[in-house]
Protein backbone atom coordinates (compact mmCIF):
# COMPACT_ATOMS: atom_id res chain seq x y z
CA MET A 1 -4.76 -42.62 -13.93
CA SER A 2 -2.99 -39.13 -13.58
CA ILE A 3 -4.52 -36.28 -13.79
CA GLU A 4 -2.65 -33.38 -15.64
CA VAL A 5 -3.21 -29.70 -16.68
CA GLY A 6 -4.78 -29.31 -19.68
CA THR A 7 -6.59 -32.66 -20.20
CA LYS A 8 -9.83 -33.45 -21.11
CA LEU A 9 -12.00 -35.89 -19.34
CA GLU A 10 -15.24 -37.01 -18.61
CA GLY A 11 -16.92 -36.84 -15.48
CA LYS A 12 -20.20 -36.93 -13.19
CA VAL A 13 -21.66 -34.09 -11.20
CA THR A 14 -21.87 -35.04 -7.72
CA GLY A 15 -22.71 -31.54 -5.65
CA ILE A 16 -23.79 -28.32 -6.66
CA THR A 17 -22.84 -25.24 -4.47
CA HIS A 18 -23.28 -21.86 -4.54
CA PHE A 19 -19.54 -21.22 -5.95
CA GLY A 20 -19.41 -24.25 -8.31
CA ALA A 21 -20.07 -27.78 -8.88
CA PHE A 22 -18.14 -30.84 -8.00
CA VAL A 23 -17.03 -33.48 -10.67
CA ASP A 24 -16.36 -37.12 -9.91
CA LEU A 25 -13.44 -38.05 -12.65
CA SER A 26 -12.47 -41.56 -12.37
CA GLY A 27 -11.23 -43.42 -9.55
CA GLY A 28 -12.64 -41.39 -6.93
CA VAL A 29 -10.88 -38.28 -7.74
CA THR A 30 -13.19 -35.25 -7.59
CA GLY A 31 -12.72 -31.41 -8.95
CA LEU A 32 -14.41 -28.59 -8.48
CA VAL A 33 -15.87 -26.56 -11.68
CA HIS A 34 -15.83 -22.84 -10.37
CA ILE A 35 -19.06 -21.17 -11.46
CA SER A 36 -16.96 -18.58 -13.59
CA GLU A 37 -15.70 -21.83 -15.47
CA ILE A 38 -19.24 -22.98 -16.21
CA ALA A 39 -20.45 -21.29 -19.29
CA ASP A 40 -19.29 -17.95 -21.44
CA ASN A 41 -21.93 -16.29 -20.58
CA TYR A 42 -22.97 -15.13 -16.84
CA VAL A 43 -23.77 -17.73 -14.65
CA LYS A 44 -26.05 -16.46 -11.80
CA ASP A 45 -27.33 -19.94 -10.35
CA VAL A 46 -25.47 -23.11 -11.03
CA ASN A 47 -28.59 -25.04 -10.97
CA ASP A 48 -29.90 -23.53 -14.21
CA HIS A 49 -26.95 -24.61 -16.00
CA LEU A 50 -25.73 -28.38 -14.09
CA LYS A 51 -28.02 -30.83 -12.46
CA ILE A 52 -26.65 -33.49 -10.31
CA GLU A 53 -25.54 -36.83 -12.36
CA ASP A 54 -25.11 -34.96 -15.01
CA VAL A 55 -22.22 -36.16 -17.28
CA VAL A 56 -20.35 -33.62 -18.25
CA THR A 57 -16.72 -32.92 -20.31
CA VAL A 58 -14.22 -30.88 -18.53
CA LYS A 59 -10.86 -29.72 -19.14
CA VAL A 60 -8.01 -29.60 -16.11
CA ILE A 61 -6.90 -26.20 -15.53
CA ASN A 62 -4.95 -26.71 -12.43
CA VAL A 63 -3.92 -29.04 -9.65
CA ASP A 64 -2.86 -27.72 -6.19
CA LYS A 65 0.15 -29.62 -3.81
CA ASP A 66 -2.60 -30.20 -1.76
CA GLY A 67 -4.47 -32.32 -4.56
CA LYS A 68 -7.71 -29.81 -5.18
CA ILE A 69 -8.20 -30.14 -9.05
CA GLY A 70 -9.58 -27.34 -10.82
CA LEU A 71 -11.76 -27.83 -13.71
CA SER A 72 -13.42 -26.01 -16.52
CA ILE A 73 -16.51 -27.06 -18.81
CA ARG A 74 -16.44 -23.51 -20.94
CA GLN A 75 -12.40 -24.15 -21.60
CA ALA A 76 -13.34 -28.00 -22.73
CA VAL A 77 -15.77 -27.18 -25.40
CA ASP A 78 -13.50 -26.22 -29.14
CA LYS A 79 -14.70 -23.64 -30.54
CA PRO A 80 -13.68 -22.03 -34.05
CA VAL A 81 -11.88 -18.58 -34.00
CA SER A 82 -14.72 -17.32 -35.65
CA GLU A 83 -17.26 -18.34 -33.09
CA ARG A 84 -15.36 -16.48 -30.30
CA PRO A 85 -16.82 -13.57 -29.49
CA ALA A 86 -14.98 -10.37 -30.55
CA ARG A 87 -14.54 -7.77 -27.79
CA PRO A 88 -16.61 -4.87 -28.19
CA GLU A 89 -15.01 -1.61 -29.30
CA ARG A 90 -14.61 1.06 -26.60
CA PRO A 91 -17.26 3.75 -27.80
CA PRO A 92 -15.40 7.10 -28.40
CA GLY A 93 -15.46 9.58 -25.28
CA PRO A 94 -14.35 13.10 -25.38
CA PRO A 95 -10.93 13.56 -26.79
CA ARG A 96 -7.91 13.77 -24.16
CA SER A 97 -5.94 16.81 -23.96
CA GLY A 98 -2.31 16.55 -22.63
CA GLY A 99 -2.42 17.56 -19.19
CA GLY A 100 -5.87 16.63 -17.27
CA GLY A 101 -7.47 18.81 -14.78
CA GLY A 102 -6.27 17.75 -11.72
CA GLY A 103 -9.99 16.36 -10.70
CA PHE A 104 -10.94 20.17 -9.69
CA PRO A 105 -13.94 21.84 -11.55
CA ARG A 106 -13.49 24.81 -12.85
CA SER A 107 -14.83 28.02 -10.69
CA GLU A 108 -17.31 30.12 -12.20
CA GLY A 109 -16.67 33.51 -13.39
CA GLY A 110 -13.40 33.15 -12.29
CA GLY A 111 -11.50 32.30 -15.46
CA GLY A 112 -9.43 30.21 -13.73
CA GLY A 113 -8.86 27.29 -16.05
CA GLY A 114 -7.46 24.51 -14.10
CA GLY A 115 -5.16 21.91 -13.19
CA PHE A 116 -2.15 21.45 -15.36
CA ARG A 117 -3.42 22.84 -18.40
CA GLY A 118 -1.70 26.12 -18.00
CA GLY A 119 -4.23 28.11 -20.48
CA ASP A 120 -3.54 31.83 -20.86
CA ARG A 121 -1.66 32.06 -17.62
CA GLY A 122 1.34 31.57 -19.21
CA GLY A 123 1.05 27.82 -20.90
CA ASN A 124 3.18 24.86 -20.80
CA ARG A 125 6.43 26.07 -19.59
CA ASN A 126 8.55 23.25 -20.96
CA PHE A 127 7.03 23.30 -24.14
CA LYS A 128 9.60 23.82 -27.21
CA PRO A 129 7.83 24.30 -30.66
CA ALA A 130 10.65 22.85 -32.96
CA GLY A 131 12.07 19.76 -30.96
CA GLY A 132 8.70 18.75 -29.53
CA VAL A 133 6.81 18.07 -25.50
CA VAL A 134 9.21 17.48 -22.47
CA LYS A 135 7.46 16.46 -20.26
CA ALA A 136 7.20 18.42 -17.02
CA THR A 137 8.90 17.20 -13.96
CA PHE A 138 7.02 16.09 -10.62
CA GLU A 139 8.70 19.12 -8.87
CA ASP A 140 7.21 21.48 -11.80
CA LYS A 141 3.66 19.72 -11.66
CA VAL A 142 3.78 20.11 -7.61
CA SER A 143 4.63 23.97 -7.87
CA ARG A 144 2.22 24.55 -10.21
CA PHE A 145 -0.74 22.53 -8.46
CA LEU A 146 0.41 24.75 -5.38
CA LYS A 147 -0.04 28.37 -7.38
CA ASP A 148 -3.08 27.07 -8.89
CA SER A 149 -4.64 25.97 -5.55
CA GLU A 150 -3.54 29.04 -3.71
CA GLU A 151 -5.51 30.97 -6.45
CA ARG A 152 -8.84 29.15 -6.11
CA ILE A 153 -8.58 29.40 -2.39
CA SER A 154 -8.22 33.25 -2.55
CA ASN A 155 -10.77 33.89 -5.27
CA LEU A 156 -13.17 31.61 -3.34
CA LYS A 157 -12.37 33.92 -0.05
CA LYS A 158 -13.26 36.82 -2.07
CA SER A 159 -16.77 35.47 -3.63
CA THR A 160 -17.65 34.40 -0.27
CA GLU A 161 -16.51 37.34 1.70
CA SER A 162 -18.32 39.79 -0.50
CA LYS A 163 -21.51 38.02 0.04
CA ARG A 164 -20.98 38.36 3.47
CA GLY A 165 -19.94 42.10 3.46
CA GLY A 166 -16.35 41.58 4.10
CA ARG A 167 -14.38 41.18 6.79
CA GLY A 168 -14.89 44.42 8.62
CA GLY A 169 -18.74 44.14 8.03
CA ARG A 170 -21.26 44.40 11.09
CA ARG A 171 -23.57 41.99 12.12
CA ASP A 172 -26.90 43.62 13.73
């Protein structure tokens, strides 16, 4: 009997490992059911689901060139479409804005804003109200990033220098 991908067969569990179970099909042919193919839910320990000498129905999911046979118990069970668990909907998150903050936190009290949002410092220079939004080129984004970065550094230096007494401050 030839083993082909997609066929369903019955076999006997001959060995259990931490990564799956070996199933003897027929004529001394053995395949592996990976731990991820044992059940639809999470399988922490194969021994919770299978025992040696259990007779199981498996589906052949792959046959390698070197003769290794991949099997699946969970794909061998025919389920009506209504029984399959629907993918849970993603919970609504905060609304997304067009640019993104560049990954930097906003400075406190500096009014700097962040990243490529533009804010009150000129906005999106490539915005065309009548024709829609034209995406900024990479060079525009880099130049804006460098400008914002330099502003942040200078604001940080000003705030730390004022706390230390400035450049010419004496230390006794």
